[in-house]
C-alpha atoms as a PDB file:
ATOM      1  CA  GLN A   1      17.119 -15.539  -5.185  1.00  0.00           C
ATOM      2  CA  VAL A   2      13.911 -14.346  -3.511  1.00  0.00           C
ATOM      3  CA  GLN A   3      13.705 -10.465  -3.111  1.00  0.00           C
ATOM      4  CA  VAL A   4      11.063  -8.154  -1.645  1.00  0.00           C
ATOM      5  CA  ALA A   5      10.636  -3.578  -2.331  1.00  0.00           C
ATOM      6  CA  GLU A   6       8.518  -2.056  -0.180  1.00  0.00           C
ATOM      7  CA  PHE A   7       6.544   0.697  -2.166  1.00  0.00           C
ATOM      8  CA  GLY A   8       3.908   4.039  -1.183  1.00  0.00           C
ATOM      9  CA  GLY A   9       4.891   5.039   2.632  1.00  0.00           C
ATOM     10  CA  GLY A  10       4.881   8.725   2.683  1.00  0.00           C
ATOM     11  CA  PHE A  11       2.935  11.241   4.981  1.00  0.00           C
ATOM     12  CA  VAL A  12      -0.388  11.131   5.533  1.00  0.00           C
ATOM     13  CA  GLN A  13      -3.163  13.865   8.518  1.00  0.00           C
ATOM     14  CA  ALA A  14      -4.086  11.745  10.627  1.00  0.00           C
ATOM     15  CA  GLY A  15      -8.212  10.201   9.548  1.00  0.00           C
ATOM     16  CA  GLY A  16      -5.741   9.431   5.620  1.00  0.00           C
ATOM     17  CA  SER A  17      -5.332   6.485   3.786  1.00  0.00           C
ATOM     18  CA  LEU A  18      -2.218   4.945   2.539  1.00  0.00           C
ATOM     19  CA  ARG A  19      -2.045   2.098  -0.054  1.00  0.00           C
ATOM     20  CA  LEU A  20       1.529   0.690   0.662  1.00  0.00           C
ATOM     21  CA  SER A  21       2.529  -2.825  -2.246  1.00  0.00           C
ATOM     22  CA  CYS A  22       5.242  -4.622  -1.799  1.00  0.00           C
ATOM     23  CA  THR A  23       6.903  -6.683  -5.253  1.00  0.00           C
ATOM     24  CA  TYR A  24       8.106 -10.708  -4.688  1.00  0.00           C
ATOM     25  CA  SER A  25      10.278 -11.332  -7.910  1.00  0.00           C
ATOM     26  CA  GLY A  26      12.993 -14.899  -7.916  1.00  0.00           C
ATOM     27  CA  GLY A  27      10.578 -17.116  -6.622  1.00  0.00           C
ATOM     28  CA  THR A  28       7.337 -18.306  -6.579  1.00  0.00           C
ATOM     29  CA  PHE A  29       5.153 -15.820  -5.478  1.00  0.00           C
ATOM     30  CA  ALA A  30       1.624 -17.881  -6.143  1.00  0.00           C
ATOM     31  CA  ASP A  31       2.791 -20.717  -2.997  1.00  0.00           C
ATOM     32  CA  THR A  32       4.501 -17.947  -0.717  1.00  0.00           C
ATOM     33  CA  THR A  33       2.661 -16.912   2.759  1.00  0.00           C
ATOM     34  CA  MET A  34       3.388 -13.364   2.636  1.00  0.00           C
ATOM     35  CA  GLY A  35       3.373 -10.495   5.787  1.00  0.00           C
ATOM     36  CA  TRP A  36       3.395  -6.733   6.395  1.00  0.00           C
ATOM     37  CA  PHE A  37       5.702  -5.987   9.842  1.00  0.00           C
ATOM     38  CA  ARG A  38       6.226  -1.998  11.715  1.00  0.00           C
ATOM     39  CA  GLN A  39       8.569  -0.981  13.551  1.00  0.00           C
ATOM     40  CA  ILE A  40       7.750   1.919  15.910  1.00  0.00           C
ATOM     41  CA  PRO A  41      10.132   4.447  17.271  1.00  0.00           C
ATOM     42  CA  GLY A  42      11.390   1.989  20.602  1.00  0.00           C
ATOM     43  CA  ARG A  43       9.967  -0.496  19.912  1.00  0.00           C
ATOM     44  CA  GLU A  44      10.609  -3.825  18.331  1.00  0.00           C
ATOM     45  CA  VAL A  45       9.032  -5.198  14.347  1.00  0.00           C
ATOM     46  CA  ASP A  46       5.724  -5.303  15.120  1.00  0.00           C
ATOM     47  CA  GLY A  47       3.555  -7.608  12.753  1.00  0.00           C
ATOM     48  CA  VAL A  48       0.596  -5.958  10.767  1.00  0.00           C
ATOM     49  CA  ALA A  49      -1.416  -8.048   8.502  1.00  0.00           C
ATOM     50  CA  THR A  50      -0.434 -11.273   7.040  1.00  0.00           C
ATOM     51  CA  ILE A  51      -1.931 -13.508   3.780  1.00  0.00           C
ATOM     52  CA  SER A  52      -2.139 -16.767   2.861  1.00  0.00           C
ATOM     53  CA  TRP A  53      -1.641 -18.453  -0.342  1.00  0.00           C
ATOM     54  CA  ASP A  54      -4.326 -20.706   0.124  1.00  0.00           C
ATOM     55  CA  ASP A  55      -7.654 -20.540   1.385  1.00  0.00           C
ATOM     56  CA  VAL A  56      -7.352 -21.447   4.993  1.00  0.00           C
ATOM     57  CA  ASP A  57      -7.258 -18.639   7.154  1.00  0.00           C
ATOM     58  CA  PRO A  58      -5.951 -17.073   4.176  1.00  0.00           C
ATOM     59  CA  THR A  59      -5.283 -13.548   6.517  1.00  0.00           C
ATOM     60  CA  ILE A  60      -4.566 -12.105  10.495  1.00  0.00           C
ATOM     61  CA  TYR A  61      -4.530  -9.186  11.517  1.00  0.00           C
ATOM     62  CA  SER A  62      -2.696  -7.477  14.652  1.00  0.00           C
ATOM     63  CA  PRO A  63      -5.171  -6.166  17.488  1.00  0.00           C
ATOM     64  CA  ALA A  64      -3.743  -2.723  16.637  1.00  0.00           C
ATOM     65  CA  VAL A  65      -5.405  -2.276  12.400  1.00  0.00           C
ATOM     66  CA  LYS A  66      -7.708  -5.138  12.333  1.00  0.00           C
ATOM     67  CA  GLY A  67     -10.348  -3.032  11.238  1.00  0.00           C
ATOM     68  CA  ARG A  68      -8.577  -0.249   9.562  1.00  0.00           C
ATOM     69  CA  PHE A  69      -5.511  -2.171   7.387  1.00  0.00           C
ATOM     70  CA  THR A  70      -6.708  -4.652   4.874  1.00  0.00           C
ATOM     71  CA  ILE A  71      -3.478  -7.123   2.659  1.00  0.00           C
ATOM     72  CA  SER A  72      -4.503  -8.486  -0.254  1.00  0.00           C
ATOM     73  CA  ARG A  73      -1.729  -9.830  -3.206  1.00  0.00           C
ATOM     74  CA  LEU A  74      -2.518 -10.227  -6.879  1.00  0.00           C
ATOM     75  CA  ASN A  75      -0.606 -13.141  -7.615  1.00  0.00           C
ATOM     76  CA  VAL A  76      -0.445 -12.069 -11.705  1.00  0.00           C
ATOM     77  CA  LYS A  77       1.491  -9.023 -10.345  1.00  0.00           C
ATOM     78  CA  ASN A  78       3.816 -10.872  -7.788  1.00  0.00           C
ATOM     79  CA  THR A  79       2.531  -8.278  -5.970  1.00  0.00           C
ATOM     80  CA  VAL A  80       1.134  -7.869  -1.777  1.00  0.00           C
ATOM     81  CA  TYR A  81      -0.362  -4.611  -1.344  1.00  0.00           C
ATOM     82  CA  LEU A  82      -1.628  -3.267   2.964  1.00  0.00           C
ATOM     83  CA  GLN A  83      -4.444  -0.766   2.516  1.00  0.00           C
ATOM     84  CA  MET A  84      -4.338   1.383   5.392  1.00  0.00           C
ATOM     85  CA  ASP A  85      -7.374   3.489   6.519  1.00  0.00           C
ATOM     86  CA  ARG A  86      -8.274   6.067   9.367  1.00  0.00           C
ATOM     87  CA  LEU A  87      -4.550   6.702  10.403  1.00  0.00           C
ATOM     88  CA  ARG A  88      -3.297   7.764  13.552  1.00  0.00           C
ATOM     89  CA  PRO A  89       0.107   8.698  15.270  1.00  0.00           C
ATOM     90  CA  GLU A  90       0.341   6.208  16.085  1.00  0.00           C
ATOM     91  CA  ASP A  91       0.798   3.918  13.173  1.00  0.00           C
ATOM     92  CA  THR A  92       3.466   6.093  12.397  1.00  0.00           C
ATOM     93  CA  GLY A  93       6.247   3.705  11.234  1.00  0.00           C
ATOM     94  CA  LEU A  94       9.368   1.812   9.535  1.00  0.00           C
ATOM     95  CA  TYR A  95       6.747  -0.534   7.340  1.00  0.00           C
ATOM     96  CA  PHE A  96       7.889  -3.551   6.175  1.00  0.00           C
ATOM     97  CA  CYS A  97       7.178  -6.321   3.638  1.00  0.00           C
ATOM     98  CA  ALA A  98       8.530  -9.892   4.455  1.00  0.00           C
ATOM     99  CA  ALA A  99       8.197 -13.795   2.844  1.00  0.00           C
ATOM    100  CA  ALA A 100       8.008 -16.789   4.293  1.00  0.00           C
ATOM    101  CA  SER A 101       8.830 -19.758   2.777  1.00  0.00           C
ATOM    102  CA  SER A 102       8.149 -20.899  -0.673  1.00  0.00           C
ATOM    103  CA  GLY A 103       4.999 -23.546  -0.491  1.00  0.00           C
ATOM    104  CA  ARG A 104       4.830 -23.353   3.257  1.00  0.00           C
ATOM    105  CA  ARG A 105       1.705 -23.404   5.014  1.00  0.00           C
ATOM    106  CA  ILE A 106       1.640 -20.583   7.875  1.00  0.00           C
ATOM    107  CA  VAL A 107      -0.735 -17.712   8.772  1.00  0.00           C
ATOM    108  CA  SER A 108       1.809 -15.629  11.032  1.00  0.00           C
ATOM    109  CA  LEU A 109       2.536 -12.358  12.078  1.00  0.00           C
ATOM    110  CA  TYR A 110       5.614 -13.771  14.513  1.00  0.00           C
ATOM    111  CA  PRO A 111       8.757 -11.814  11.704  1.00  0.00           C
ATOM    112  CA  SER A 112      10.611 -15.129  12.946  1.00  0.00           C
ATOM    113  CA  ASP A 113       8.297 -17.170  10.446  1.00  0.00           C
ATOM    114  CA  TYR A 114       9.361 -14.859   7.417  1.00  0.00           C
ATOM    115  CA  ASP A 115      12.687 -15.599   5.264  1.00  0.00           C
ATOM    116  CA  VAL A 116      12.735 -12.428   2.811  1.00  0.00           C
ATOM    117  CA  TRP A 117      12.658  -9.068   4.432  1.00  0.00           C
ATOM    118  CA  GLY A 118      12.455  -5.711   2.803  1.00  0.00           C
ATOM    119  CA  GLN A 119      14.506  -2.570   3.162  1.00  0.00           C
ATOM    120  CA  GLY A 120      11.040  -1.303   4.829  1.00  0.00           C
ATOM    121  CA  THR A 121       8.949   1.679   3.577  1.00  0.00           C
ATOM    122  CA  ARG A 122       8.409   4.768   6.219  1.00  0.00           C
ATOM    123  CA  VAL A 123       4.800   5.871   6.830  1.00  0.00           C
ATOM    124  CA  THR A 124       4.335   9.644   9.189  1.00  0.00           C
ATOM    125  CA  VAL A 125       1.031  10.566  10.145  1.00  0.00           C
ATOM    126  CA  SER A 126       0.621  13.716  11.354  1.00  0.00           C
ATOM    127  CA  SER A 127      -1.918  14.898  14.318  1.00  0.00           C
END
């Protein structure tokens, strides 16, 4: 059974950086598209970034984070990362990692395209 788990949330001042990690187990990570999502207070879950398992359109970012956040993956460690730089108070929220179905060729920021979700890790950015 595929499982994912997030690590690395915390408190940071505006302008600072955090790196989130997500470990994957129970399936074939190397052919799984992975995504990062967040739920900001009062809003629904929104896509932040996604990284494909192949080289066709490998990454997509939401306009709100493009140029500040970087998604990457290390297949030998079954881990996907989200490097968050120049953080803003409006980035505060609960961040989730999610896995799409193994072998499915998608690059999507829609939560409904992902099958397995972690519990989330909280990020708080103070002004």
